[in-house]
C-alpha cells in the first residue's frame, strides 16, 4: 500500500466515527502522510459575545486537522499536548481552513504545526500539537 493510500484509508476510518468534527460543520478537504486540511464556515452558533468566532471552535478545527495528520500512518495516535496562539479573529460567515503539517516524528512521538487561515489568506491562529502513538490500528491492512 502506498503512503498516500494508507493516509486516505486512515482518514476514511477516522472520519466515519468523528461525530464531533461533523457536528461542528467541518469538512476533511485533503490528507496525506503527516498532513491534513480541514475547514468550516463560521456560522452564528460559532460566534462569541464579541460577534467573532469563539476561540474554542478555532482550536477544535486545528485540533481535528492535527488528529488526521498524526493518524495518517494507520497507527492510533492521540494528543499529548496542544497549544494555540490566536492572531486575528474569525469573522461571521467566513470560511476558515486549518492545514496541519508534520514537523517531526520519531518513535511514538510527533510534533505537528497547524496554521488556521481566513478566507482572505490571513493567519487566524497557529497551533502546535504533540502526539503519542498508542496500541492499535485504524483499519486492517490485510483487508482490501
N, C-alpha and C. Protein backbone atom coordinates (compact mmCIF):
# COMPACT_ATOMS: atom_id res chain seq x y z
N UNK A 1 0.84 -1.18 0.00
CA UNK A 1 0.00 0.00 0.00
C UNK A 1 0.89 1.25 0.00
N UNK A 2 0.56 2.21 -0.82
CA UNK A 2 1.35 3.43 -0.87
C UNK A 2 1.09 4.28 0.37
N UNK A 3 2.03 5.14 0.74
CA UNK A 3 1.79 6.02 1.88
C UNK A 3 0.54 6.89 1.71
N UNK A 4 0.28 7.36 0.50
CA UNK A 4 -0.91 8.18 0.26
C UNK A 4 -2.19 7.36 0.45
N UNK A 5 -2.20 6.14 -0.07
CA UNK A 5 -3.38 5.28 0.10
C UNK A 5 -3.61 4.96 1.57
N UNK A 6 -2.53 4.73 2.32
CA UNK A 6 -2.65 4.46 3.76
C UNK A 6 -3.24 5.69 4.48
N UNK A 7 -2.77 6.87 4.12
CA UNK A 7 -3.29 8.10 4.74
C UNK A 7 -4.77 8.28 4.44
N UNK A 8 -5.17 8.00 3.20
CA UNK A 8 -6.57 8.16 2.82
C UNK A 8 -7.46 7.14 3.53
N UNK A 9 -7.02 5.89 3.62
CA UNK A 9 -7.81 4.87 4.32
C UNK A 9 -7.88 5.17 5.82
N UNK A 10 -6.79 5.66 6.38
CA UNK A 10 -6.80 6.05 7.79
C UNK A 10 -7.81 7.17 8.03
N UNK A 11 -7.80 8.17 7.14
CA UNK A 11 -8.74 9.29 7.27
C UNK A 11 -10.17 8.82 7.11
N UNK A 12 -10.43 7.93 6.16
CA UNK A 12 -11.79 7.41 5.98
C UNK A 12 -12.27 6.69 7.25
N UNK A 13 -11.38 5.90 7.85
CA UNK A 13 -11.74 5.18 9.06
C UNK A 13 -12.03 6.14 10.22
N UNK A 14 -11.20 7.17 10.35
CA UNK A 14 -11.43 8.15 11.43
C UNK A 14 -12.70 8.96 11.18
N UNK A 15 -12.86 9.43 9.94
CA UNK A 15 -13.99 10.30 9.61
C UNK A 15 -15.32 9.59 9.86
N UNK A 16 -15.35 8.29 9.62
CA UNK A 16 -16.58 7.51 9.82
C UNK A 16 -17.07 7.60 11.27
N UNK A 17 -16.17 7.80 12.22
CA UNK A 17 -16.54 7.85 13.63
C UNK A 17 -16.40 9.23 14.26
N UNK A 18 -16.06 10.23 13.49
CA UNK A 18 -15.78 11.56 14.04
C UNK A 18 -17.04 12.43 14.08
N UNK A 19 -17.89 12.13 15.02
CA UNK A 19 -19.14 12.88 15.16
C UNK A 19 -18.89 14.35 15.52
N UNK A 20 -17.87 14.62 16.31
CA UNK A 20 -17.61 16.00 16.76
C UNK A 20 -17.27 16.92 15.60
N UNK A 21 -16.32 16.52 14.76
CA UNK A 21 -15.93 17.37 13.62
C UNK A 21 -17.10 17.59 12.68
N UNK A 22 -17.86 16.54 12.43
CA UNK A 22 -19.03 16.66 11.55
C UNK A 22 -20.08 17.58 12.16
N UNK A 23 -20.34 17.42 13.46
CA UNK A 23 -21.36 18.23 14.13
C UNK A 23 -21.00 19.71 14.10
N UNK A 24 -19.70 20.00 14.17
CA UNK A 24 -19.26 21.40 14.13
C UNK A 24 -19.27 21.96 12.71
N UNK A 25 -19.54 21.13 11.72
CA UNK A 25 -19.64 21.59 10.33
C UNK A 25 -18.34 21.52 9.55
N UNK A 26 -17.37 20.78 10.05
CA UNK A 26 -16.07 20.68 9.37
C UNK A 26 -16.16 19.77 8.17
N UNK A 27 -15.26 20.02 7.22
CA UNK A 27 -15.07 19.12 6.10
C UNK A 27 -13.60 18.72 6.08
N UNK A 28 -13.35 17.48 5.68
CA UNK A 28 -12.00 16.97 5.50
C UNK A 28 -11.65 17.21 4.04
N UNK A 29 -10.78 18.17 3.79
CA UNK A 29 -10.51 18.61 2.42
C UNK A 29 -9.34 17.89 1.76
N UNK A 30 -8.35 17.48 2.53
CA UNK A 30 -7.18 16.80 1.98
C UNK A 30 -6.45 16.08 3.09
N UNK A 31 -5.79 14.98 2.72
CA UNK A 31 -4.97 14.25 3.67
C UNK A 31 -3.81 13.61 2.91
N UNK A 32 -2.69 13.49 3.58
CA UNK A 32 -1.52 12.81 3.04
C UNK A 32 -0.68 12.34 4.21
N UNK A 33 0.42 11.66 3.94
CA UNK A 33 1.27 11.21 5.04
C UNK A 33 1.76 12.41 5.87
N UNK A 34 1.29 12.49 7.11
CA UNK A 34 1.71 13.56 8.01
C UNK A 34 1.08 14.90 7.76
N UNK A 35 0.05 14.96 6.92
CA UNK A 35 -0.60 16.23 6.61
C UNK A 35 -2.12 16.05 6.56
N UNK A 36 -2.83 17.14 6.82
CA UNK A 36 -4.28 17.13 6.67
C UNK A 36 -4.78 18.57 6.58
N UNK A 37 -5.87 18.74 5.84
CA UNK A 37 -6.52 20.04 5.72
C UNK A 37 -8.00 19.86 6.02
N UNK A 38 -8.48 20.63 6.99
CA UNK A 38 -9.91 20.66 7.33
C UNK A 38 -10.37 22.11 7.31
N UNK A 39 -11.67 22.30 7.11
CA UNK A 39 -12.20 23.66 7.07
C UNK A 39 -13.64 23.67 7.57
N UNK A 40 -14.13 24.87 7.85
CA UNK A 40 -15.53 25.05 8.18
C UNK A 40 -15.92 26.51 8.00
N UNK A 41 -17.22 26.70 7.85
CA UNK A 41 -17.79 28.03 7.68
C UNK A 41 -18.22 28.53 9.06
N UNK A 42 -17.80 29.74 9.42
CA UNK A 42 -18.19 30.33 10.70
C UNK A 42 -19.68 30.73 10.61
N UNK A 43 -20.48 30.10 11.44
CA UNK A 43 -21.92 30.35 11.47
C UNK A 43 -22.27 31.09 12.77
N UNK A 44 -23.50 31.53 12.87
CA UNK A 44 -23.93 32.30 14.05
C UNK A 44 -23.67 31.54 15.35
N UNK A 45 -23.86 30.23 15.35
CA UNK A 45 -23.67 29.47 16.59
C UNK A 45 -22.20 29.30 16.96
N UNK A 46 -21.27 29.73 16.10
CA UNK A 46 -19.84 29.71 16.41
C UNK A 46 -19.37 31.04 17.03
N UNK A 47 -20.23 32.04 17.06
CA UNK A 47 -19.83 33.39 17.49
C UNK A 47 -19.89 33.55 19.00
N UNK A 48 -18.93 34.33 19.52
CA UNK A 48 -18.92 34.65 20.95
C UNK A 48 -19.58 36.00 21.20
N UNK A 49 -19.44 36.53 22.39
CA UNK A 49 -20.07 37.79 22.76
C UNK A 49 -19.51 39.01 22.04
N UNK A 50 -18.41 38.86 21.34
CA UNK A 50 -17.83 39.95 20.55
C UNK A 50 -18.21 39.83 19.08
N UNK A 51 -19.08 38.87 18.76
CA UNK A 51 -19.53 38.61 17.39
C UNK A 51 -18.39 38.17 16.48
N UNK A 52 -17.42 37.45 17.06
CA UNK A 52 -16.35 36.83 16.28
C UNK A 52 -16.33 35.34 16.63
N UNK A 53 -15.63 34.56 15.84
CA UNK A 53 -15.60 33.12 16.08
C UNK A 53 -14.98 32.81 17.44
N UNK A 54 -15.69 32.04 18.23
CA UNK A 54 -15.20 31.63 19.55
C UNK A 54 -13.88 30.87 19.38
N UNK A 55 -12.92 31.18 20.22
CA UNK A 55 -11.61 30.53 20.15
C UNK A 55 -11.67 29.02 20.28
N UNK A 56 -12.63 28.51 21.03
CA UNK A 56 -12.77 27.08 21.19
C UNK A 56 -13.07 26.37 19.87
N UNK A 57 -13.82 27.03 18.99
CA UNK A 57 -14.13 26.43 17.69
C UNK A 57 -12.90 26.46 16.78
N UNK A 58 -12.13 27.54 16.88
CA UNK A 58 -10.89 27.61 16.10
C UNK A 58 -9.93 26.54 16.59
N UNK A 59 -9.84 26.37 17.90
CA UNK A 59 -8.99 25.32 18.48
C UNK A 59 -9.46 23.94 17.99
N UNK A 60 -10.78 23.71 18.02
CA UNK A 60 -11.31 22.42 17.59
C UNK A 60 -10.97 22.14 16.13
N UNK A 61 -11.06 23.14 15.28
CA UNK A 61 -10.70 22.97 13.86
C UNK A 61 -9.23 22.58 13.72
N UNK A 62 -8.35 23.30 14.42
CA UNK A 62 -6.92 23.00 14.37
C UNK A 62 -6.63 21.63 14.95
N UNK A 63 -7.30 21.29 16.04
CA UNK A 63 -7.08 20.01 16.70
C UNK A 63 -7.52 18.85 15.80
N UNK A 64 -8.61 19.02 15.08
CA UNK A 64 -9.06 17.98 14.17
C UNK A 64 -8.08 17.79 13.02
N UNK A 65 -7.55 18.89 12.47
CA UNK A 65 -6.55 18.77 11.40
C UNK A 65 -5.31 18.05 11.93
N UNK A 66 -4.88 18.40 13.12
CA UNK A 66 -3.76 17.73 13.79
C UNK A 66 -4.04 16.23 13.93
N UNK A 67 -5.24 15.88 14.37
CA UNK A 67 -5.59 14.47 14.58
C UNK A 67 -5.51 13.67 13.28
N UNK A 68 -6.03 14.22 12.20
CA UNK A 68 -5.99 13.50 10.93
C UNK A 68 -4.56 13.39 10.40
N UNK A 69 -3.75 14.41 10.62
CA UNK A 69 -2.36 14.35 10.17
C UNK A 69 -1.57 13.30 10.94
N UNK A 70 -1.69 13.29 12.26
CA UNK A 70 -0.86 12.37 13.05
C UNK A 70 -1.38 10.94 13.02
N UNK A 71 -2.61 10.73 12.56
CA UNK A 71 -3.14 9.38 12.42
C UNK A 71 -3.04 8.86 10.99
N UNK A 72 -2.32 9.54 10.13
CA UNK A 72 -2.27 9.20 8.71
C UNK A 72 -1.40 7.98 8.39
N UNK A 73 -0.79 7.38 9.42
CA UNK A 73 0.08 6.22 9.21
C UNK A 73 -0.59 4.91 9.64
N UNK A 74 -1.90 4.95 9.92
CA UNK A 74 -2.66 3.79 10.38
C UNK A 74 -2.15 3.25 11.71
N UNK A 75 -1.72 4.13 12.56
CA UNK A 75 -1.35 3.79 13.94
C UNK A 75 -2.14 4.74 14.84
N UNK A 76 -2.89 4.18 15.77
CA UNK A 76 -3.72 5.03 16.64
C UNK A 76 -2.83 5.99 17.41
N UNK A 77 -3.09 7.28 17.23
CA UNK A 77 -2.26 8.32 17.80
C UNK A 77 -3.15 9.36 18.45
N UNK A 78 -2.78 9.78 19.64
CA UNK A 78 -3.58 10.74 20.42
C UNK A 78 -2.75 11.97 20.74
N UNK A 79 -3.45 13.00 21.16
CA UNK A 79 -2.78 14.24 21.56
C UNK A 79 -2.13 14.06 22.93
N UNK A 80 -0.92 14.56 23.04
CA UNK A 80 -0.22 14.58 24.32
C UNK A 80 -0.25 15.99 24.91
N UNK A 81 -0.12 16.98 24.03
CA UNK A 81 -0.16 18.38 24.45
C UNK A 81 -0.44 19.24 23.23
N UNK A 82 -1.22 20.30 23.41
CA UNK A 82 -1.51 21.24 22.32
C UNK A 82 -1.45 22.66 22.85
N UNK A 83 -0.99 23.56 21.99
CA UNK A 83 -1.04 24.99 22.31
C UNK A 83 -1.54 25.74 21.08
N UNK A 84 -2.12 26.90 21.32
CA UNK A 84 -2.61 27.71 20.21
C UNK A 84 -2.35 29.18 20.51
N UNK A 85 -2.04 29.92 19.46
CA UNK A 85 -1.90 31.36 19.55
C UNK A 85 -2.86 31.97 18.54
N UNK A 86 -3.75 32.83 19.02
CA UNK A 86 -4.73 33.48 18.16
C UNK A 86 -4.11 34.77 17.63
N UNK A 87 -4.20 34.96 16.33
CA UNK A 87 -3.56 36.11 15.69
C UNK A 87 -4.55 37.13 15.15
N UNK A 88 -5.69 36.68 14.70
CA UNK A 88 -6.73 37.58 14.21
C UNK A 88 -8.07 36.85 14.34
N UNK A 89 -9.17 37.59 14.40
CA UNK A 89 -10.46 36.94 14.63
C UNK A 89 -11.01 36.24 13.40
N UNK A 90 -11.75 35.16 13.65
CA UNK A 90 -12.56 34.55 12.60
C UNK A 90 -13.84 35.35 12.50
N UNK A 91 -14.20 35.73 11.30
CA UNK A 91 -15.34 36.62 11.09
C UNK A 91 -16.63 35.84 10.81
N UNK A 92 -17.77 36.44 11.10
CA UNK A 92 -19.04 35.78 10.79
C UNK A 92 -19.12 35.40 9.31
N UNK A 93 -19.59 34.20 9.04
CA UNK A 93 -19.77 33.66 7.68
C UNK A 93 -18.46 33.44 6.91
N UNK A 94 -17.34 33.54 7.59
CA UNK A 94 -16.05 33.33 6.93
C UNK A 94 -15.70 31.85 6.88
N UNK A 95 -15.03 31.45 5.82
CA UNK A 95 -14.54 30.08 5.68
C UNK A 95 -13.14 30.02 6.27
N UNK A 96 -12.96 29.21 7.33
CA UNK A 96 -11.65 29.03 7.96
C UNK A 96 -11.06 27.70 7.53
N UNK A 97 -9.76 27.68 7.30
CA UNK A 97 -9.06 26.47 6.86
C UNK A 97 -7.89 26.21 7.79
N UNK A 98 -7.75 24.95 8.20
CA UNK A 98 -6.63 24.52 9.05
C UNK A 98 -5.78 23.53 8.27
N UNK A 99 -4.50 23.84 8.13
CA UNK A 99 -3.56 22.95 7.44
C UNK A 99 -2.54 22.47 8.45
N UNK A 100 -2.53 21.15 8.66
CA UNK A 100 -1.59 20.53 9.60
C UNK A 100 -0.43 19.92 8.82
N UNK A 101 0.77 20.15 9.32
CA UNK A 101 1.99 19.63 8.71
C UNK A 101 2.86 19.01 9.79
N UNK A 102 3.32 17.81 9.52
CA UNK A 102 4.22 17.12 10.45
C UNK A 102 5.58 17.82 10.46
N UNK A 103 6.02 18.22 11.64
CA UNK A 103 7.34 18.84 11.79
C UNK A 103 8.39 17.82 12.20
N UNK A 104 7.97 16.83 13.01
CA UNK A 104 8.90 15.81 13.48
C UNK A 104 8.10 14.57 13.88
N UNK A 105 8.65 13.41 13.59
CA UNK A 105 8.06 12.14 14.02
C UNK A 105 9.20 11.19 14.30
N UNK A 106 9.30 10.77 15.57
CA UNK A 106 10.40 9.91 15.98
C UNK A 106 9.85 8.90 16.98
N UNK A 107 9.87 7.63 16.62
CA UNK A 107 9.32 6.61 17.50
C UNK A 107 7.83 6.82 17.68
N UNK A 108 7.39 6.91 18.93
CA UNK A 108 5.97 7.08 19.23
C UNK A 108 5.56 8.55 19.40
N UNK A 109 6.49 9.48 19.22
CA UNK A 109 6.20 10.90 19.46
C UNK A 109 6.27 11.69 18.16
N UNK A 110 5.40 12.69 18.06
CA UNK A 110 5.39 13.55 16.90
C UNK A 110 5.09 14.99 17.27
N UNK A 111 5.49 15.89 16.38
CA UNK A 111 5.22 17.31 16.53
C UNK A 111 4.57 17.78 15.22
N UNK A 112 3.42 18.44 15.35
CA UNK A 112 2.65 18.89 14.19
C UNK A 112 2.31 20.36 14.35
N UNK A 113 2.51 21.12 13.28
CA UNK A 113 2.16 22.53 13.27
C UNK A 113 0.95 22.74 12.38
N UNK A 114 -0.01 23.50 12.89
CA UNK A 114 -1.25 23.76 12.17
C UNK A 114 -1.41 25.27 12.03
N UNK A 115 -1.66 25.69 10.81
CA UNK A 115 -1.96 27.09 10.55
C UNK A 115 -3.42 27.21 10.16
N UNK A 116 -4.15 28.05 10.87
CA UNK A 116 -5.54 28.33 10.54
C UNK A 116 -5.57 29.67 9.82
N UNK A 117 -6.18 29.68 8.64
CA UNK A 117 -6.25 30.91 7.85
C UNK A 117 -7.70 31.28 7.58
N UNK A 118 -7.90 32.58 7.35
CA UNK A 118 -9.20 33.08 6.97
C UNK A 118 -9.36 33.05 5.46
N UNK A 119 -10.54 33.41 5.00
CA UNK A 119 -10.84 33.37 3.57
C UNK A 119 -9.92 34.26 2.75
N UNK A 120 -9.42 35.33 3.36
CA UNK A 120 -8.53 36.26 2.66
C UNK A 120 -7.06 35.84 2.75
N UNK A 121 -6.79 34.69 3.36
CA UNK A 121 -5.42 34.19 3.46
C UNK A 121 -4.67 34.63 4.71
N UNK A 122 -5.26 35.51 5.52
CA UNK A 122 -4.56 35.96 6.72
C UNK A 122 -4.49 34.82 7.74
N UNK A 123 -3.46 34.84 8.56
CA UNK A 123 -3.33 33.84 9.62
C UNK A 123 -4.25 34.21 10.77
N UNK A 124 -5.10 33.25 11.14
CA UNK A 124 -6.03 33.43 12.25
C UNK A 124 -5.43 32.85 13.52
N UNK A 125 -4.74 31.71 13.39
CA UNK A 125 -4.16 31.06 14.58
C UNK A 125 -3.02 30.15 14.16
N UNK A 126 -2.09 29.96 15.11
CA UNK A 126 -1.01 28.99 14.97
C UNK A 126 -1.15 28.00 16.12
N UNK A 127 -1.13 26.72 15.80
CA UNK A 127 -1.37 25.64 16.75
C UNK A 127 -0.21 24.67 16.65
N UNK A 128 0.26 24.20 17.78
CA UNK A 128 1.28 23.14 17.79
C UNK A 128 0.74 21.98 18.60
N UNK A 129 0.77 20.80 18.00
CA UNK A 129 0.30 19.60 18.67
C UNK A 129 1.41 18.59 18.83
N UNK A 130 1.51 18.02 20.03
CA UNK A 130 2.44 16.94 20.30
C UNK A 130 1.63 15.66 20.39
N UNK A 131 2.06 14.64 19.66
CA UNK A 131 1.29 13.40 19.58
C UNK A 131 2.03 12.24 20.22
N UNK A 132 1.26 11.23 20.55
CA UNK A 132 1.80 9.99 21.11
C UNK A 132 1.05 8.82 20.50
N UNK A 133 1.78 7.91 19.87
CA UNK A 133 1.17 6.73 19.28
C UNK A 133 0.96 5.68 20.36
N UNK A 134 -0.23 5.10 20.36
CA UNK A 134 -0.58 4.06 21.33
C UNK A 134 -0.87 2.76 20.56
N UNK A 135 -1.39 1.76 21.24
CA UNK A 135 -1.68 0.49 20.60
C UNK A 135 -2.86 0.61 19.64
N UNK A 136 -2.79 -0.15 18.56
CA UNK A 136 -3.93 -0.28 17.66
C UNK A 136 -3.72 0.36 16.30
N UNK A 137 -4.58 -0.06 15.38
CA UNK A 137 -4.61 0.49 14.04
C UNK A 137 -6.03 0.97 13.74
N UNK A 138 -6.13 1.85 12.76
CA UNK A 138 -7.44 2.37 12.37
C UNK A 138 -8.17 1.40 11.46
N UNK A 139 -7.45 0.61 10.69
CA UNK A 139 -8.05 -0.38 9.81
C UNK A 139 -7.09 -1.54 9.62
N UNK A 140 -7.63 -2.65 9.21
CA UNK A 140 -6.84 -3.86 8.96
C UNK A 140 -6.24 -3.77 7.57
N UNK A 141 -4.93 -3.67 7.49
CA UNK A 141 -4.26 -3.51 6.19
C UNK A 141 -4.32 -4.76 5.34
N UNK A 142 -4.70 -5.88 5.93
CA UNK A 142 -4.81 -7.14 5.17
C UNK A 142 -6.14 -7.21 4.41
N UNK A 143 -7.11 -6.36 4.82
CA UNK A 143 -8.41 -6.34 4.17
C UNK A 143 -8.42 -5.27 3.10
N UNK A 144 -8.73 -5.66 1.84
CA UNK A 144 -8.71 -4.66 0.75
C UNK A 144 -9.76 -3.59 0.87
